[in-house]
Each structure stands twice: as C-alpha cells, then as structure tokens.
N, C-alpha and C. Protein backbone atom coordinates (compact mmCIF):
# COMPACT_ATOMS: atom_id res chain seq x y z
N UNK A 1 29.98 27.88 -2.01
CA UNK A 1 28.82 27.72 -0.53
C UNK A 1 27.91 27.87 -0.55
N UNK A 2 27.41 28.63 -1.74
CA UNK A 2 25.71 28.72 -1.98
C UNK A 2 25.25 27.11 -2.42
N UNK A 3 25.87 26.60 -3.04
CA UNK A 3 25.46 25.21 -3.85
C UNK A 3 25.30 24.48 -2.52
N UNK A 4 25.99 24.45 -1.61
CA UNK A 4 25.99 23.42 -0.27
C UNK A 4 24.78 23.92 0.48
N UNK A 5 24.48 25.00 0.85
CA UNK A 5 23.48 25.37 1.51
C UNK A 5 22.27 25.19 1.06
N UNK A 6 21.99 25.31 -0.46
CA UNK A 6 20.84 24.86 -1.62
C UNK A 6 20.69 23.51 -0.91
N UNK A 7 21.39 22.63 -0.77
CA UNK A 7 21.04 21.41 -0.96
C UNK A 7 20.74 20.97 0.57
N UNK A 8 21.27 21.49 1.39
CA UNK A 8 20.92 21.50 2.81
C UNK A 8 19.06 21.84 3.20
N UNK A 9 19.06 23.06 2.26
CA UNK A 9 17.68 23.30 2.63
C UNK A 9 16.50 22.97 1.69
N UNK A 10 16.79 21.98 0.79
CA UNK A 10 15.82 21.26 0.06
C UNK A 10 14.96 20.04 1.09
N UNK A 11 13.70 20.04 0.84
CA UNK A 11 12.98 18.93 1.46
C UNK A 11 13.15 17.60 0.44
N UNK A 12 13.27 16.41 1.07
CA UNK A 12 13.44 15.20 0.44
C UNK A 12 12.08 15.08 -0.42
N UNK A 13 11.78 14.36 -1.36
CA UNK A 13 10.82 14.28 -2.38
C UNK A 13 10.13 12.84 -1.90
N UNK A 14 8.89 13.03 -1.33
CA UNK A 14 8.21 11.67 -0.96
C UNK A 14 8.00 10.85 -2.08
N UNK A 15 7.90 11.29 -3.33
CA UNK A 15 7.27 10.24 -4.16
C UNK A 15 7.95 8.71 -4.38
N UNK A 16 9.48 8.94 -4.46
CA UNK A 16 10.23 7.70 -4.51
C UNK A 16 10.07 7.13 -3.20
N UNK A 17 10.37 7.51 -1.95
CA UNK A 17 9.63 6.75 -1.02
C UNK A 17 8.42 5.94 -0.94
N UNK A 18 7.42 6.74 -1.30
CA UNK A 18 6.25 6.06 -1.02
C UNK A 18 5.76 5.06 -2.19
N UNK A 19 6.45 5.37 -3.39
CA UNK A 19 6.09 4.20 -4.65
C UNK A 19 7.52 3.24 -4.04
N UNK A 20 8.27 3.47 -3.58
CA UNK A 20 8.99 2.23 -3.28
C UNK A 20 8.31 1.26 -2.44
N UNK A 21 7.73 2.00 -1.26
CA UNK A 21 7.03 1.51 -0.09
C UNK A 21 5.85 0.39 -0.59
N UNK A 22 5.38 1.32 -1.41
CA UNK A 22 3.94 0.47 -1.84
C UNK A 22 4.31 -0.79 -2.57
N UNK A 23 5.24 -0.62 -3.45
CA UNK A 23 5.75 -2.14 -4.22
C UNK A 23 6.28 -3.13 -3.14
N UNK A 24 7.23 -2.54 -2.16
CA UNK A 24 7.67 -3.59 -1.48
C UNK A 24 6.20 -4.14 -0.56
N UNK A 25 5.31 -3.42 -0.02
CA UNK A 25 4.29 -3.99 0.79
C UNK A 25 3.57 -4.62 -0.20
N UNK A 26 3.27 -4.20 -1.47
CA UNK A 26 2.60 -5.52 -2.14
C UNK A 26 3.21 -6.86 -2.41
N UNK A 27 4.49 -6.79 -2.47
CA UNK A 27 5.38 -8.22 -2.64
C UNK A 27 5.02 -8.96 -1.60
N UNK A 28 5.50 -8.10 -0.63
CA UNK A 28 5.14 -8.75 0.99
C UNK A 28 4.17 -9.52 1.29
N UNK A 29 3.27 -8.93 0.84
CA UNK A 29 1.71 -9.34 0.96
C UNK A 29 0.98 -9.90 -0.18
N UNK A 30 1.96 -10.45 -0.81
CA UNK A 30 1.61 -11.43 -2.11
C UNK A 30 0.57 -10.78 -2.95
N UNK A 31 0.56 -9.40 -3.08
CA UNK A 31 -0.47 -8.78 -4.07
C UNK A 31 -0.20 -9.00 -5.42
N UNK A 32 -0.67 -9.36 -6.23
CA UNK A 32 -0.38 -9.46 -7.44
C UNK A 32 -0.34 -8.05 -8.31
N UNK A 33 0.07 -8.10 -9.38
CA UNK A 33 0.31 -6.79 -10.02
C UNK A 33 -0.98 -6.20 -10.98
N UNK A 34 -2.06 -7.36 -11.08
CA UNK A 34 -3.37 -7.11 -11.58
C UNK A 34 -4.19 -6.60 -10.47
N UNK A 35 -3.90 -6.84 -9.21
CA UNK A 35 -4.67 -6.47 -8.14
C UNK A 35 -3.97 -5.20 -7.65
N UNK A 36 -2.88 -4.74 -8.21
CA UNK A 36 -2.06 -3.58 -7.65
C UNK A 36 -2.85 -2.47 -8.81
N UNK A 37 -3.14 -2.99 -9.95
CA UNK A 37 -3.95 -2.11 -10.96
C UNK A 37 -5.18 -1.38 -10.39
N UNK A 38 -5.96 -2.36 -9.73
CA UNK A 38 -7.20 -2.27 -9.44
C UNK A 38 -7.32 -1.17 -8.07
N UNK A 39 -6.16 -1.59 -7.27
CA UNK A 39 -6.06 -0.94 -5.91
C UNK A 39 -5.28 0.41 -6.13
N UNK A 40 -4.55 0.69 -6.86
CA UNK A 40 -4.25 2.07 -6.88
C UNK A 40 -4.93 2.72 -8.34
N UNK A 41 -5.68 2.10 -9.06
CA UNK A 41 -6.46 2.80 -10.08
C UNK A 41 -5.52 3.22 -11.13
N UNK A 42 -4.51 2.47 -11.27
CA UNK A 42 -3.67 2.70 -12.56
C UNK A 42 -3.43 1.61 -13.54
N UNK A 43 -3.02 1.76 -14.94
CA UNK A 43 -3.04 0.88 -15.70
C UNK A 43 -1.81 0.33 -15.79
N UNK A 44 -2.34 -1.41 -16.14
CA UNK A 44 -1.16 -2.46 -16.02
C UNK A 44 0.37 -1.40 -16.76
N UNK A 45 0.06 -0.65 -17.60
CA UNK A 45 1.63 -0.40 -18.12
C UNK A 45 2.45 0.42 -16.97
N UNK A 46 1.28 1.20 -16.16
CA UNK A 46 1.76 2.02 -15.08
C UNK A 46 2.63 1.39 -14.09
N UNK A 47 1.62 0.63 -13.65
CA UNK A 47 1.83 -0.50 -12.48
C UNK A 47 3.34 -1.17 -13.29
N UNK A 48 3.42 -1.51 -14.56
CA UNK A 48 4.87 -1.81 -14.84
C UNK A 48 6.22 -1.17 -14.37
N UNK A 49 5.60 0.10 -15.02
CA UNK A 49 6.65 1.00 -14.93
C UNK A 49 7.12 1.40 -13.30
N UNK A 50 6.13 1.42 -12.71
CA UNK A 50 5.92 1.29 -11.33
C UNK A 50 7.21 0.79 -10.67
N UNK A 51 6.80 -0.67 -10.84
CA UNK A 51 7.56 -1.54 -10.43
C UNK A 51 9.35 -1.55 -11.16
N UNK A 52 9.29 -0.98 -12.24
CA UNK A 52 10.54 -0.64 -12.79
C UNK A 52 11.39 0.65 -12.32
N UNK A 53 10.67 1.19 -11.73
CA UNK A 53 11.26 2.60 -10.87
C UNK A 53 11.17 3.58 -12.17
N UNK A 54 10.35 3.72 -13.13
CA UNK A 54 10.13 4.64 -14.43
C UNK A 54 8.99 5.35 -13.95
N UNK A 55 8.04 4.99 -13.04
CA UNK A 55 7.05 5.92 -12.91
C UNK A 55 6.98 6.26 -11.13
N UNK A 56 6.57 7.62 -10.87
CA UNK A 56 6.34 8.09 -9.51
C UNK A 56 4.96 8.33 -9.00
N UNK A 57 4.54 7.75 -8.14
CA UNK A 57 3.27 8.25 -7.60
C UNK A 57 3.15 9.64 -7.41
N UNK A 58 2.26 10.31 -7.39
CA UNK A 58 2.05 11.61 -7.53
C UNK A 58 0.83 12.19 -6.44
N UNK A 59 1.48 13.22 -5.51
CA UNK A 59 0.55 13.59 -4.52
C UNK A 59 -0.44 14.40 -5.06
N UNK A 60 -0.54 14.57 -6.14
CA UNK A 60 -1.86 15.36 -6.56
C UNK A 60 -2.81 14.56 -6.96
N UNK A 61 -2.64 13.20 -7.12
CA UNK A 61 -3.41 12.54 -7.78
C UNK A 61 -4.12 11.17 -6.77
N UNK A 62 -5.15 10.78 -6.70
CA UNK A 62 -5.75 9.69 -6.03
C UNK A 62 -4.85 8.51 -5.54
N UNK A 63 -4.28 8.28 -6.60
CA UNK A 63 -3.21 7.04 -6.52
C UNK A 63 -2.40 6.89 -5.42
N UNK A 64 -2.35 8.41 -4.68
CA UNK A 64 -1.38 8.57 -3.65
C UNK A 64 -2.04 8.11 -2.33
N UNK A 65 -3.12 8.60 -2.34
CA UNK A 65 -3.91 8.13 -1.13
C UNK A 65 -4.44 6.77 -0.96
N UNK A 66 -4.27 6.36 -2.36
CA UNK A 66 -4.68 4.57 -2.07
C UNK A 66 -3.43 3.93 -1.55
N UNK A 67 -2.44 4.41 -2.02
CA UNK A 67 -1.05 3.78 -1.99
C UNK A 67 -0.99 4.09 -0.12
N UNK A 68 -1.32 4.90 0.46
CA UNK A 68 -1.40 4.95 1.64
C UNK A 68 -1.86 4.28 2.63
N UNK A 69 -3.21 4.16 2.07
CA UNK A 69 -4.02 3.09 2.68
C UNK A 69 -3.49 1.74 2.51
N UNK A 70 -2.92 1.28 1.34
CA UNK A 70 -2.20 -0.06 1.38
C UNK A 70 -1.13 0.08 2.41
N UNK A 71 -0.31 1.30 2.55
CA UNK A 71 0.91 1.06 3.31
C UNK A 71 0.19 0.60 5.03
N UNK A 72 -1.17 1.41 5.12
CA UNK A 72 -1.82 1.51 6.62
C UNK A 72 -2.27 -0.23 6.64
N UNK A 73 -2.70 -0.73 5.56
CA UNK A 73 -3.02 -2.15 5.82
C UNK A 73 -1.76 -3.01 6.11
N UNK A 74 -0.69 -2.54 5.18
CA UNK A 74 0.55 -3.65 5.58
C UNK A 74 1.26 -3.37 6.98
N UNK A 75 1.14 -2.33 7.43
CA UNK A 75 1.69 -1.86 8.73
C UNK A 75 0.94 -2.54 10.00
N UNK A 76 -0.77 -2.32 9.82
CA UNK A 76 -1.46 -3.10 10.53
C UNK A 76 -1.35 -4.37 10.65
N UNK A 77 -1.37 -5.25 9.49
CA UNK A 77 -1.49 -6.62 9.42
C UNK A 77 0.01 -7.19 9.92
N UNK A 78 0.99 -6.42 9.60
CA UNK A 78 2.26 -7.10 9.77
C UNK A 78 2.60 -6.65 11.57
N UNK A 79 1.90 -5.93 12.06
CA UNK A 79 2.10 -5.45 13.48
C UNK A 79 1.01 -6.45 14.22
N UNK A 80 0.07 -6.90 13.64
CA UNK A 80 -0.60 -7.81 14.46
C UNK A 80 -0.21 -9.65 14.29
N UNK A 81 0.04 -9.84 12.76
CA UNK A 81 0.55 -11.36 12.89
C UNK A 81 1.96 -11.71 12.91
N UNK A 82 2.84 -10.55 12.31
CA UNK A 82 4.39 -10.42 12.32
C UNK A 82 4.72 -11.56 11.55
N UNK A 83 4.23 -12.07 10.85
CA UNK A 83 4.81 -13.15 9.64
C UNK A 83 4.22 -13.27 8.35
N UNK A 84 5.14 -13.21 7.32
CA UNK A 84 4.40 -12.84 5.91
C UNK A 84 3.98 -13.86 5.33
N UNK A 85 4.07 -15.07 5.82
CA UNK A 85 3.22 -15.90 5.34
C UNK A 85 1.64 -16.29 6.02
N UNK A 86 1.72 -15.63 7.12
CA UNK A 86 0.46 -15.28 8.20
C UNK A 86 -0.15 -14.09 7.43
N UNK A 87 0.49 -13.27 7.22
CA UNK A 87 -0.14 -12.07 6.45
C UNK A 87 -0.99 -12.47 5.15
N UNK A 88 -0.32 -13.21 4.53
CA UNK A 88 -0.78 -13.48 2.88
C UNK A 88 -1.73 -14.34 3.33
N UNK A 89 -1.78 -15.35 4.12
CA UNK A 89 -2.96 -16.13 4.45
C UNK A 89 -4.15 -15.64 4.57
N UNK A 90 -4.29 -14.44 5.72
CA UNK A 90 -5.08 -13.67 5.94
C UNK A 90 -6.10 -12.79 5.07
N UNK A 91 -5.14 -12.24 4.28
CA UNK A 91 -5.49 -11.74 3.07
C UNK A 91 -6.40 -12.58 2.00
N UNK A 92 -6.13 -13.96 1.82
CA UNK A 92 -6.68 -14.63 0.85
C UNK A 92 -7.70 -15.41 1.77
N UNK A 93 -7.78 -15.38 2.97
CA UNK A 93 -8.92 -16.10 3.78
C UNK A 93 -10.46 -15.50 3.77
N UNK A 94 -11.40 -16.07 3.73
CA UNK A 94 -12.83 -15.27 4.00
C UNK A 94 -12.65 -14.37 5.57
N UNK A 95 -13.16 -13.66 5.60
CA UNK A 95 -13.19 -13.19 7.14
C UNK A 95 -15.05 -12.94 7.16
N UNK A 96 -14.82 -13.37 8.39
CA UNK A 96 -16.64 -13.16 8.50
C UNK A 96 -17.11 -11.83 9.01
N UNK A 97 -16.25 -10.85 9.79
CA UNK A 97 -16.32 -9.70 10.02
C UNK A 97 -16.38 -8.55 8.84
N UNK A 98 -15.52 -8.98 7.79
CA UNK A 98 -15.51 -8.21 6.67
C UNK A 98 -16.59 -8.65 5.89
N UNK A 99 -16.70 -9.49 5.60
CA UNK A 99 -18.05 -10.33 4.54
C UNK A 99 -17.13 -10.46 3.69
N UNK A 100 -15.99 -11.33 3.28
CA UNK A 100 -15.13 -11.38 2.02
C UNK A 100 -14.24 -11.75 2.86
N UNK A 101 -13.11 -11.71 1.57
CA UNK A 101 -11.90 -12.18 1.36
C UNK A 101 -11.26 -10.73 1.38
N UNK A 102 -10.34 -10.09 2.19
CA UNK A 102 -9.67 -9.01 2.28
C UNK A 102 -8.81 -8.51 0.77
N UNK A 103 -8.42 -9.91 0.26
CA UNK A 103 -7.52 -9.27 -1.21
C UNK A 103 -8.47 -9.04 -2.21
N UNK A 104 -9.73 -9.74 -2.11
CA UNK A 104 -10.87 -8.74 -3.09
C UNK A 104 -11.23 -7.73 -2.70
N UNK A 105 -11.28 -7.62 -1.18
CA UNK A 105 -12.28 -6.19 -0.79
C UNK A 105 -11.35 -4.96 -1.37
N UNK A 106 -9.66 -5.28 -0.85
CA UNK A 106 -9.24 -3.92 -1.19
C UNK A 106 -8.84 -3.43 -2.47
N UNK A 107 -9.33 -4.37 -3.54
CA UNK A 107 -9.21 -4.12 -4.60
C UNK A 107 -10.28 -3.00 -5.28
N UNK A 108 -11.40 -2.46 -4.21
CA UNK A 108 -12.22 -1.29 -4.51
C UNK A 108 -11.72 -0.33 -3.25
N UNK A 109 -12.31 0.81 -3.54
CA UNK A 109 -11.85 1.92 -2.64
C UNK A 109 -12.54 1.66 -1.09
N UNK A 110 -13.66 1.44 -1.33
CA UNK A 110 -14.69 1.02 0.10
C UNK A 110 -14.07 -0.16 0.73
N UNK A 111 -13.37 -1.11 0.11
CA UNK A 111 -12.80 -2.10 1.00
C UNK A 111 -11.98 -2.15 1.38
N UNK A 112 -11.11 -1.19 0.75
CA UNK A 112 -9.80 -0.66 1.05
C UNK A 112 -9.63 0.07 2.40
N UNK A 113 -10.52 1.15 2.33
CA UNK A 113 -10.77 1.51 3.33
C UNK A 113 -11.39 0.68 4.80
N UNK A 114 -12.33 -0.26 4.37
CA UNK A 114 -12.91 -0.78 5.59
C UNK A 114 -11.87 -1.95 6.06
N UNK A 115 -11.00 -2.44 5.20
CA UNK A 115 -10.11 -3.21 5.50
C UNK A 115 -9.06 -2.74 6.55
N UNK A 116 -8.77 -1.46 6.03
CA UNK A 116 -7.59 -0.94 6.96
C UNK A 116 -8.37 -0.26 8.13
N UNK A 117 -9.46 0.00 8.37
CA UNK A 117 -9.99 0.78 9.55
C UNK A 117 -10.14 -0.69 10.48
N UNK A 118 -10.61 -1.68 9.83
CA UNK A 118 -10.61 -3.02 10.79
C UNK A 118 -9.47 -3.25 10.99
N UNK A 119 -8.35 -3.49 10.22
CA UNK A 119 -7.14 -4.07 11.25
C UNK A 119 -6.79 -2.80 12.11
N UNK A 120 -6.68 -1.54 11.85
CA UNK A 120 -6.15 -0.73 12.90
C UNK A 120 -7.22 -0.73 14.15
N UNK A 121 -8.48 -0.75 13.87
CA UNK A 121 -8.89 -1.27 15.14
C UNK A 121 -8.90 -2.56 16.00
N UNK A 122 -8.48 -3.16 15.25
CA UNK A 122 -7.76 -4.53 16.22
C UNK A 122 -6.32 -4.64 16.48
N UNK A 123 -5.86 -3.78 15.92
CA UNK A 123 -4.45 -3.84 16.29
C UNK A 123 -4.14 -3.18 17.78
N UNK A 124 -5.23 -2.27 17.98
CA UNK A 124 -5.29 -1.18 19.33
C UNK A 124 -5.73 -2.37 20.51
N UNK A 125 -6.52 -3.29 20.05
CA UNK A 125 -7.29 -4.35 21.01
C UNK A 125 -6.00 -5.40 21.81
N UNK A 126 -5.88 -5.27 23.16
CA UNK A 126 -5.15 -5.94 23.97
C UNK A 126 -5.53 -7.14 24.43
C-alpha cells in the first residue's frame, strides 16, 4: 500500500517534457541542429544526445531558460501564423522591425529575447 501512495505523491519531472518539447518545436520551425547548439549553448554532441533522448535539459543550467524562450517563440509564432510553412518562412525572412532575420537573431541570447518579446507583443494585437 505504501508503494502505491508513494507514486501518487511524486511530482512529474519537467526535464523530459521540456526536452521533447524543444526538439519538436525546433523541428516544426525548421531550426537546424547547428543553430540549436547556438540557441541552447550546448555542444553538437549534446544536441545529438538531446535528439536521441539520451540527454535531458537541466533546470539548474541556462539551457533551461533558453529552451523556455524558444518554446515561447514557437507558441507565439504558431498562434500568429497558424501554419508550419509560413512560420518557417517568417523565421528565414528579413524583418525590418527586428533589423535582421529571426533565425539568425535567435542564435544569440539578446536576439532570442528580442524575437520572443516581438512575437508576444504582436500576438496580443487585434
């Protein structure tokens, strides 16, 4: 009986959820693994292990925050354009307001934050 209540009281681990979510978002947006190394600040080997399910993002490291920002970009962009091909085109196109191509901007911390804020602001506009 104790084993049954132990399982009920455990909180789910967020690491596998965020790890899988960020790889799916990157695939959906057409973000290369090379760019994922820059976005998350991980080595190419760690990114390969991430996609194979052999590496989990850690809440104690900056990669966690970067992954959350990338998920925000994905969610905002998906809610604005609603179509995968349009989202991918938007990322690769020059954006006058952002002064660059979002796919290049999100490879740096400042750009990832800026693109996320830009999309959040535009998502709220009716």
